[in-house]
Amino acid sequence: MRKHRAEARWNKGLKNGEGEVKSATGAFQSKYSFASRFGDSNSGTSPEELIGAAHAGCYSMFLSALMEKENLSPEYVETKAVVTLGEQDGAPTILKIELTTEAKANGLDDEKLQRLAQDAKEGCPVSKALKAVPEITLQATLKE
């Protein structure tokens, strides 16, 4: 079992405050604010952006592992995640995550990619952790 650590600090109130998130390894560190989360500011990250990055990263690794189990040699798996934050029952809620992936591997055809891509969507640890999200979509494209 391996524990992964991150931390966040928030200063002041919700709308006039700001914070910082960082990983214990020092691999990332970023500011975040009300504006970067709910507004139009691109001056920092948001928890939803970090969830998207985690989901895309986990999904890509998991799909690559599934390809290897099928004796395929993945050249790459690239995944983008769009996390939609909206309101439900008067509270901010992640309403949808859209995964778009493309993959290239020797011996991979579209039918096999679609099956493995769906298996990865259901099986990657971050997907499992996000089961409360009402809708998670997937579009997988084979690169030749």
N, C-alpha and C. Protein backbone atom coordinates (compact mmCIF):
# COMPACT_ATOMS: atom_id res chain seq x y z
N MET A 1 0.84 -1.17 0.00
CA MET A 1 0.00 0.00 0.00
C MET A 1 0.89 1.24 0.00
N ARG A 2 0.55 2.22 -0.81
CA ARG A 2 1.31 3.46 -0.89
C ARG A 2 0.39 4.63 -0.63
N LYS A 3 0.81 5.53 0.22
CA LYS A 3 0.04 6.74 0.51
C LYS A 3 0.63 7.90 -0.29
N HIS A 4 -0.25 8.68 -0.90
CA HIS A 4 0.14 9.86 -1.68
C HIS A 4 -0.41 11.08 -0.96
N ARG A 5 0.41 12.11 -0.83
CA ARG A 5 0.01 13.25 -0.03
C ARG A 5 -0.01 14.54 -0.83
N ALA A 6 -0.94 15.39 -0.48
CA ALA A 6 -1.04 16.74 -1.02
C ALA A 6 -1.62 17.60 0.09
N GLU A 7 -1.47 18.90 -0.07
CA GLU A 7 -2.02 19.79 0.96
C GLU A 7 -2.52 21.07 0.32
N ALA A 8 -3.38 21.74 1.04
CA ALA A 8 -3.94 23.02 0.59
C ALA A 8 -4.08 23.95 1.78
N ARG A 9 -3.92 25.24 1.50
CA ARG A 9 -4.14 26.26 2.50
C ARG A 9 -5.02 27.33 1.86
N TRP A 10 -6.05 27.76 2.60
CA TRP A 10 -6.95 28.82 2.14
C TRP A 10 -6.85 29.98 3.12
N ASN A 11 -6.68 31.19 2.61
CA ASN A 11 -6.59 32.39 3.43
C ASN A 11 -7.78 33.31 3.18
N LYS A 12 -8.37 33.80 4.25
CA LYS A 12 -9.48 34.76 4.23
C LYS A 12 -10.80 34.09 3.88
N GLY A 13 -11.76 34.90 3.42
CA GLY A 13 -13.10 34.41 3.12
C GLY A 13 -13.20 33.77 1.76
N LEU A 14 -14.40 33.28 1.45
CA LEU A 14 -14.61 32.56 0.20
C LEU A 14 -14.31 33.41 -1.02
N LYS A 15 -14.95 34.57 -1.15
CA LYS A 15 -14.82 35.36 -2.38
C LYS A 15 -13.60 36.28 -2.38
N ASN A 16 -13.12 36.70 -1.22
CA ASN A 16 -11.96 37.60 -1.20
C ASN A 16 -10.66 36.85 -0.85
N GLY A 17 -10.75 35.57 -0.69
CA GLY A 17 -9.58 34.80 -0.29
C GLY A 17 -8.84 34.20 -1.45
N GLU A 18 -7.78 33.52 -1.10
CA GLU A 18 -7.00 32.77 -2.07
C GLU A 18 -6.28 31.65 -1.35
N GLY A 19 -5.85 30.70 -2.12
CA GLY A 19 -5.18 29.56 -1.52
C GLY A 19 -4.08 29.03 -2.39
N GLU A 20 -3.47 27.96 -1.89
CA GLU A 20 -2.40 27.29 -2.61
C GLU A 20 -2.52 25.80 -2.36
N VAL A 21 -2.34 25.03 -3.40
CA VAL A 21 -2.30 23.57 -3.29
C VAL A 21 -0.92 23.11 -3.73
N LYS A 22 -0.47 22.03 -3.13
CA LYS A 22 0.83 21.48 -3.53
C LYS A 22 0.92 20.02 -3.15
N SER A 23 1.79 19.35 -3.87
CA SER A 23 2.04 17.94 -3.57
C SER A 23 3.20 17.85 -2.60
N ALA A 24 3.20 16.80 -1.81
CA ALA A 24 4.27 16.61 -0.84
C ALA A 24 5.62 16.36 -1.52
N THR A 25 5.59 15.82 -2.74
CA THR A 25 6.83 15.55 -3.45
C THR A 25 7.44 16.80 -4.07
N GLY A 26 6.65 17.87 -4.14
CA GLY A 26 7.11 19.09 -4.79
C GLY A 26 6.90 19.07 -6.30
N ALA A 27 6.23 18.06 -6.81
CA ALA A 27 6.01 17.95 -8.25
C ALA A 27 5.10 19.05 -8.78
N PHE A 28 4.18 19.54 -7.95
CA PHE A 28 3.35 20.66 -8.38
C PHE A 28 3.02 21.55 -7.20
N GLN A 29 2.77 22.80 -7.54
CA GLN A 29 2.36 23.82 -6.57
C GLN A 29 1.62 24.89 -7.37
N SER A 30 0.42 25.25 -6.93
CA SER A 30 -0.34 26.24 -7.67
C SER A 30 -1.26 27.02 -6.74
N LYS A 31 -1.54 28.24 -7.13
CA LYS A 31 -2.51 29.06 -6.42
C LYS A 31 -3.90 28.74 -6.95
N TYR A 32 -4.90 29.03 -6.15
CA TYR A 32 -6.28 28.93 -6.59
C TYR A 32 -7.10 29.97 -5.84
N SER A 33 -8.25 30.32 -6.42
CA SER A 33 -9.08 31.36 -5.85
C SER A 33 -10.54 31.11 -6.23
N PHE A 34 -11.42 31.93 -5.68
CA PHE A 34 -12.83 31.87 -6.07
C PHE A 34 -12.95 32.12 -7.57
N ALA A 35 -12.22 33.12 -8.06
CA ALA A 35 -12.29 33.47 -9.49
C ALA A 35 -11.76 32.35 -10.38
N SER A 36 -10.70 31.66 -9.96
CA SER A 36 -10.16 30.59 -10.79
C SER A 36 -11.05 29.35 -10.75
N ARG A 37 -11.88 29.26 -9.74
CA ARG A 37 -12.78 28.10 -9.63
C ARG A 37 -14.16 28.37 -10.23
N PHE A 38 -14.73 29.53 -9.93
CA PHE A 38 -16.10 29.80 -10.35
C PHE A 38 -16.21 30.90 -11.40
N GLY A 39 -15.15 31.65 -11.62
CA GLY A 39 -15.21 32.79 -12.53
C GLY A 39 -14.45 32.55 -13.81
N ASP A 40 -13.99 33.64 -14.37
CA ASP A 40 -13.30 33.58 -15.66
C ASP A 40 -11.79 33.72 -15.55
N SER A 41 -11.27 33.71 -14.36
CA SER A 41 -9.83 33.91 -14.17
C SER A 41 -9.06 32.64 -14.49
N ASN A 42 -7.95 32.83 -15.17
CA ASN A 42 -7.03 31.72 -15.44
C ASN A 42 -5.74 31.90 -14.65
N SER A 43 -5.84 32.62 -13.55
CA SER A 43 -4.63 32.93 -12.77
C SER A 43 -4.27 31.87 -11.75
N GLY A 44 -4.97 30.78 -11.77
CA GLY A 44 -4.68 29.69 -10.85
C GLY A 44 -5.44 28.45 -11.26
N THR A 45 -5.31 27.43 -10.49
CA THR A 45 -5.99 26.17 -10.78
C THR A 45 -7.32 26.11 -10.02
N SER A 46 -7.93 24.96 -10.01
CA SER A 46 -9.14 24.71 -9.24
C SER A 46 -9.13 23.24 -8.83
N PRO A 47 -9.86 22.90 -7.79
CA PRO A 47 -9.95 21.47 -7.44
C PRO A 47 -10.46 20.63 -8.61
N GLU A 48 -11.37 21.19 -9.41
CA GLU A 48 -11.92 20.44 -10.53
C GLU A 48 -10.88 20.21 -11.62
N GLU A 49 -10.03 21.20 -11.85
CA GLU A 49 -8.95 21.03 -12.82
C GLU A 49 -7.99 19.94 -12.36
N LEU A 50 -7.71 19.92 -11.07
CA LEU A 50 -6.82 18.89 -10.52
C LEU A 50 -7.46 17.51 -10.60
N ILE A 51 -8.77 17.44 -10.38
CA ILE A 51 -9.49 16.16 -10.55
C ILE A 51 -9.39 15.70 -11.99
N GLY A 52 -9.57 16.64 -12.94
CA GLY A 52 -9.45 16.30 -14.35
C GLY A 52 -8.06 15.77 -14.70
N ALA A 53 -7.04 16.42 -14.17
CA ALA A 53 -5.66 15.97 -14.43
C ALA A 53 -5.43 14.58 -13.83
N ALA A 54 -5.92 14.38 -12.63
CA ALA A 54 -5.76 13.06 -11.99
C ALA A 54 -6.50 11.99 -12.77
N HIS A 55 -7.71 12.30 -13.21
CA HIS A 55 -8.50 11.32 -13.94
C HIS A 55 -7.84 10.99 -15.29
N ALA A 56 -7.41 12.02 -16.02
CA ALA A 56 -6.76 11.79 -17.32
C ALA A 56 -5.48 10.98 -17.16
N GLY A 57 -4.70 11.30 -16.14
CA GLY A 57 -3.45 10.58 -15.90
C GLY A 57 -3.67 9.12 -15.54
N CYS A 58 -4.59 8.90 -14.62
CA CYS A 58 -4.89 7.53 -14.19
C CYS A 58 -5.47 6.71 -15.35
N TYR A 59 -6.41 7.31 -16.06
CA TYR A 59 -7.05 6.63 -17.18
C TYR A 59 -6.02 6.21 -18.24
N SER A 60 -5.13 7.14 -18.61
CA SER A 60 -4.12 6.85 -19.63
C SER A 60 -3.22 5.69 -19.21
N MET A 61 -2.79 5.70 -17.96
CA MET A 61 -1.94 4.60 -17.46
C MET A 61 -2.70 3.28 -17.47
N PHE A 62 -3.96 3.31 -17.03
CA PHE A 62 -4.75 2.09 -16.94
C PHE A 62 -5.02 1.50 -18.32
N LEU A 63 -5.35 2.37 -19.29
CA LEU A 63 -5.59 1.88 -20.65
C LEU A 63 -4.32 1.27 -21.23
N SER A 64 -3.18 1.90 -20.99
CA SER A 64 -1.91 1.35 -21.45
C SER A 64 -1.66 -0.03 -20.84
N ALA A 65 -1.95 -0.18 -19.56
CA ALA A 65 -1.77 -1.48 -18.89
C ALA A 65 -2.69 -2.54 -19.49
N LEU A 66 -3.93 -2.17 -19.81
CA LEU A 66 -4.86 -3.12 -20.42
C LEU A 66 -4.38 -3.55 -21.80
N MET A 67 -3.79 -2.61 -22.53
CA MET A 67 -3.23 -2.95 -23.85
C MET A 67 -2.10 -3.96 -23.70
N GLU A 68 -1.22 -3.73 -22.74
CA GLU A 68 -0.11 -4.66 -22.52
C GLU A 68 -0.62 -6.05 -22.16
N LYS A 69 -1.70 -6.14 -21.39
CA LYS A 69 -2.28 -7.45 -21.04
C LYS A 69 -2.79 -8.18 -22.27
N GLU A 70 -3.10 -7.42 -23.33
CA GLU A 70 -3.56 -8.00 -24.59
C GLU A 70 -2.38 -8.22 -25.55
N ASN A 71 -1.16 -8.13 -25.01
CA ASN A 71 0.08 -8.31 -25.80
C ASN A 71 0.24 -7.26 -26.90
N LEU A 72 -0.27 -6.08 -26.64
CA LEU A 72 -0.08 -4.95 -27.54
C LEU A 72 1.06 -4.10 -26.99
N SER A 73 1.69 -3.35 -27.85
CA SER A 73 2.78 -2.46 -27.43
C SER A 73 2.33 -1.02 -27.62
N PRO A 74 1.81 -0.40 -26.56
CA PRO A 74 1.33 0.97 -26.69
C PRO A 74 2.48 1.93 -27.00
N GLU A 75 2.26 2.77 -28.01
CA GLU A 75 3.21 3.84 -28.28
C GLU A 75 2.86 5.04 -27.40
N TYR A 76 1.56 5.36 -27.35
CA TYR A 76 1.10 6.41 -26.44
C TYR A 76 -0.40 6.33 -26.22
N VAL A 77 -0.83 6.87 -25.11
CA VAL A 77 -2.24 7.11 -24.80
C VAL A 77 -2.30 8.55 -24.29
N GLU A 78 -3.08 9.37 -24.96
CA GLU A 78 -3.23 10.76 -24.55
C GLU A 78 -4.70 11.01 -24.22
N THR A 79 -4.96 11.49 -23.02
CA THR A 79 -6.33 11.70 -22.56
C THR A 79 -6.51 13.13 -22.07
N LYS A 80 -7.62 13.71 -22.46
CA LYS A 80 -8.03 15.03 -21.97
C LYS A 80 -9.30 14.85 -21.17
N ALA A 81 -9.43 15.62 -20.12
CA ALA A 81 -10.63 15.56 -19.28
C ALA A 81 -11.21 16.96 -19.15
N VAL A 82 -12.51 17.07 -19.34
CA VAL A 82 -13.24 18.31 -19.11
C VAL A 82 -14.18 18.04 -17.94
N VAL A 83 -13.99 18.78 -16.86
CA VAL A 83 -14.80 18.61 -15.66
C VAL A 83 -15.77 19.78 -15.58
N THR A 84 -17.07 19.49 -15.58
CA THR A 84 -18.10 20.52 -15.54
C THR A 84 -18.59 20.70 -14.12
N LEU A 85 -18.38 21.90 -13.59
CA LEU A 85 -18.86 22.26 -12.26
C LEU A 85 -20.13 23.08 -12.45
N GLY A 86 -21.19 22.65 -11.84
CA GLY A 86 -22.46 23.37 -11.92
C GLY A 86 -23.11 23.40 -10.55
N GLU A 87 -24.41 23.54 -10.57
CA GLU A 87 -25.15 23.60 -9.31
C GLU A 87 -26.24 22.54 -9.31
N GLN A 88 -26.36 21.88 -8.18
CA GLN A 88 -27.41 20.89 -8.00
C GLN A 88 -27.93 21.04 -6.58
N ASP A 89 -29.23 21.17 -6.45
CA ASP A 89 -29.87 21.36 -5.14
C ASP A 89 -29.25 22.54 -4.40
N GLY A 90 -28.92 23.61 -5.15
CA GLY A 90 -28.39 24.82 -4.54
C GLY A 90 -26.94 24.76 -4.10
N ALA A 91 -26.22 23.71 -4.49
CA ALA A 91 -24.82 23.58 -4.06
C ALA A 91 -23.92 23.30 -5.27
N PRO A 92 -22.68 23.80 -5.25
CA PRO A 92 -21.75 23.47 -6.33
C PRO A 92 -21.54 21.96 -6.39
N THR A 93 -21.60 21.43 -7.61
CA THR A 93 -21.50 19.99 -7.81
C THR A 93 -20.79 19.69 -9.13
N ILE A 94 -19.94 18.69 -9.13
CA ILE A 94 -19.38 18.21 -10.39
C ILE A 94 -20.48 17.43 -11.08
N LEU A 95 -20.93 17.95 -12.22
CA LEU A 95 -22.06 17.36 -12.93
C LEU A 95 -21.64 16.37 -14.02
N LYS A 96 -20.44 16.60 -14.59
CA LYS A 96 -20.05 15.77 -15.73
C LYS A 96 -18.54 15.79 -15.90
N ILE A 97 -18.00 14.67 -16.34
CA ILE A 97 -16.61 14.59 -16.76
C ILE A 97 -16.60 13.97 -18.16
N GLU A 98 -15.95 14.68 -19.09
CA GLU A 98 -15.84 14.19 -20.46
C GLU A 98 -14.39 13.79 -20.70
N LEU A 99 -14.17 12.51 -20.94
CA LEU A 99 -12.85 12.00 -21.28
C LEU A 99 -12.74 11.83 -22.79
N THR A 100 -11.67 12.36 -23.36
CA THR A 100 -11.38 12.19 -24.77
C THR A 100 -9.97 11.62 -24.84
N THR A 101 -9.86 10.44 -25.44
CA THR A 101 -8.55 9.79 -25.49
C THR A 101 -8.20 9.38 -26.90
N GLU A 102 -6.93 9.40 -27.18
CA GLU A 102 -6.44 8.81 -28.43
C GLU A 102 -5.28 7.91 -28.08
N ALA A 103 -5.19 6.82 -28.82
CA ALA A 103 -4.17 5.82 -28.52
C ALA A 103 -3.56 5.28 -29.80
N LYS A 104 -2.30 4.92 -29.68
CA LYS A 104 -1.59 4.29 -30.79
C LYS A 104 -0.81 3.12 -30.23
N ALA A 105 -0.99 1.96 -30.85
CA ALA A 105 -0.28 0.75 -30.42
C ALA A 105 -0.22 -0.21 -31.60
N ASN A 106 0.88 -0.92 -31.72
CA ASN A 106 1.01 -1.93 -32.76
C ASN A 106 -0.02 -3.02 -32.53
N GLY A 107 -0.78 -3.37 -33.58
CA GLY A 107 -1.76 -4.43 -33.49
C GLY A 107 -3.11 -4.00 -32.94
N LEU A 108 -3.27 -2.74 -32.60
CA LEU A 108 -4.53 -2.25 -32.04
C LEU A 108 -5.48 -1.86 -33.16
N ASP A 109 -6.70 -2.39 -33.12
CA ASP A 109 -7.73 -1.95 -34.07
C ASP A 109 -8.81 -1.21 -33.29
N ASP A 110 -9.71 -0.57 -34.02
CA ASP A 110 -10.71 0.27 -33.37
C ASP A 110 -11.64 -0.52 -32.45
N GLU A 111 -12.04 -1.69 -32.87
CA GLU A 111 -12.94 -2.51 -32.05
C GLU A 111 -12.29 -2.84 -30.70
N LYS A 112 -11.05 -3.25 -30.75
CA LYS A 112 -10.33 -3.59 -29.52
C LYS A 112 -10.12 -2.34 -28.67
N LEU A 113 -9.79 -1.22 -29.31
CA LEU A 113 -9.62 0.03 -28.56
C LEU A 113 -10.89 0.41 -27.83
N GLN A 114 -12.02 0.32 -28.50
CA GLN A 114 -13.29 0.72 -27.86
C GLN A 114 -13.58 -0.16 -26.64
N ARG A 115 -13.31 -1.45 -26.77
CA ARG A 115 -13.55 -2.36 -25.63
C ARG A 115 -12.60 -2.04 -24.48
N LEU A 116 -11.31 -1.89 -24.78
CA LEU A 116 -10.32 -1.61 -23.73
C LEU A 116 -10.54 -0.23 -23.12
N ALA A 117 -10.93 0.74 -23.96
CA ALA A 117 -11.17 2.10 -23.46
C ALA A 117 -12.32 2.10 -22.46
N GLN A 118 -13.37 1.37 -22.75
CA GLN A 118 -14.51 1.28 -21.83
C GLN A 118 -14.10 0.55 -20.55
N ASP A 119 -13.33 -0.53 -20.68
CA ASP A 119 -12.84 -1.25 -19.50
C ASP A 119 -11.98 -0.33 -18.62
N ALA A 120 -11.16 0.50 -19.25
CA ALA A 120 -10.31 1.43 -18.49
C ALA A 120 -11.17 2.48 -17.78
N LYS A 121 -12.22 2.93 -18.44
CA LYS A 121 -13.12 3.92 -17.83
C LYS A 121 -13.76 3.35 -16.57
N GLU A 122 -14.12 2.10 -16.61
CA GLU A 122 -14.75 1.46 -15.45
C GLU A 122 -13.74 1.05 -14.39
N GLY A 123 -12.51 0.74 -14.80
CA GLY A 123 -11.57 0.12 -13.88
C GLY A 123 -10.50 0.98 -13.27
N CYS A 124 -10.21 2.15 -13.85
CA CYS A 124 -9.10 2.92 -13.29
C CYS A 124 -9.49 3.42 -11.89
N PRO A 125 -8.55 3.45 -10.96
CA PRO A 125 -8.86 3.81 -9.58
C PRO A 125 -9.53 5.18 -9.42
N VAL A 126 -9.13 6.16 -10.23
CA VAL A 126 -9.76 7.47 -10.10
C VAL A 126 -11.20 7.42 -10.61
N SER A 127 -11.48 6.69 -11.68
CA SER A 127 -12.86 6.52 -12.13
C SER A 127 -13.71 5.90 -11.03
N LYS A 128 -13.17 4.91 -10.37
CA LYS A 128 -13.91 4.27 -9.27
C LYS A 128 -14.19 5.26 -8.15
N ALA A 129 -13.22 6.13 -7.86
CA ALA A 129 -13.40 7.12 -6.80
C ALA A 129 -14.43 8.18 -7.18
N LEU A 130 -14.66 8.36 -8.47
CA LEU A 130 -15.56 9.41 -8.94
C LEU A 130 -16.96 8.89 -9.29
N LYS A 131 -17.34 7.77 -8.76
CA LYS A 131 -18.65 7.16 -9.06
C LYS A 131 -19.83 8.08 -8.74
N ALA A 132 -19.64 9.06 -7.86
CA ALA A 132 -20.73 9.96 -7.50
C ALA A 132 -21.02 10.99 -8.59
N VAL A 133 -20.13 11.14 -9.56
CA VAL A 133 -20.36 12.08 -10.65
C VAL A 133 -21.50 11.53 -11.52
N PRO A 134 -22.55 12.33 -11.75
CA PRO A 134 -23.72 11.82 -12.47
C PRO A 134 -23.43 11.31 -13.88
N GLU A 135 -22.47 11.92 -14.58
CA GLU A 135 -22.21 11.51 -15.96
C GLU A 135 -20.71 11.59 -16.27
N ILE A 136 -20.17 10.48 -16.74
CA ILE A 136 -18.80 10.43 -17.24
C ILE A 136 -18.87 9.85 -18.64
N THR A 137 -18.46 10.65 -19.62
CA THR A 137 -18.50 10.20 -21.02
C THR A 137 -17.09 9.89 -21.50
N LEU A 138 -17.01 9.14 -22.58
CA LEU A 138 -15.73 8.73 -23.14
C LEU A 138 -15.81 8.72 -24.65
N GLN A 139 -14.80 9.31 -25.27
CA GLN A 139 -14.63 9.23 -26.72
C GLN A 139 -13.21 8.75 -26.95
N ALA A 140 -13.06 7.62 -27.63
CA ALA A 140 -11.74 7.03 -27.88
C ALA A 140 -11.47 7.00 -29.37
N THR A 141 -10.27 7.45 -29.76
CA THR A 141 -9.87 7.50 -31.16
C THR A 141 -8.58 6.74 -31.36
N LEU A 142 -8.57 5.89 -32.36
CA LEU A 142 -7.38 5.12 -32.73
C LEU A 142 -6.50 5.97 -33.64
N LYS A 143 -5.22 6.07 -33.31
CA LYS A 143 -4.25 6.77 -34.16
C LYS A 143 -3.41 5.71 -34.86
N GLU A 144 -3.26 5.86 -36.15
CA GLU A 144 -2.51 4.87 -36.92
C GLU A 144 -1.17 5.40 -37.32
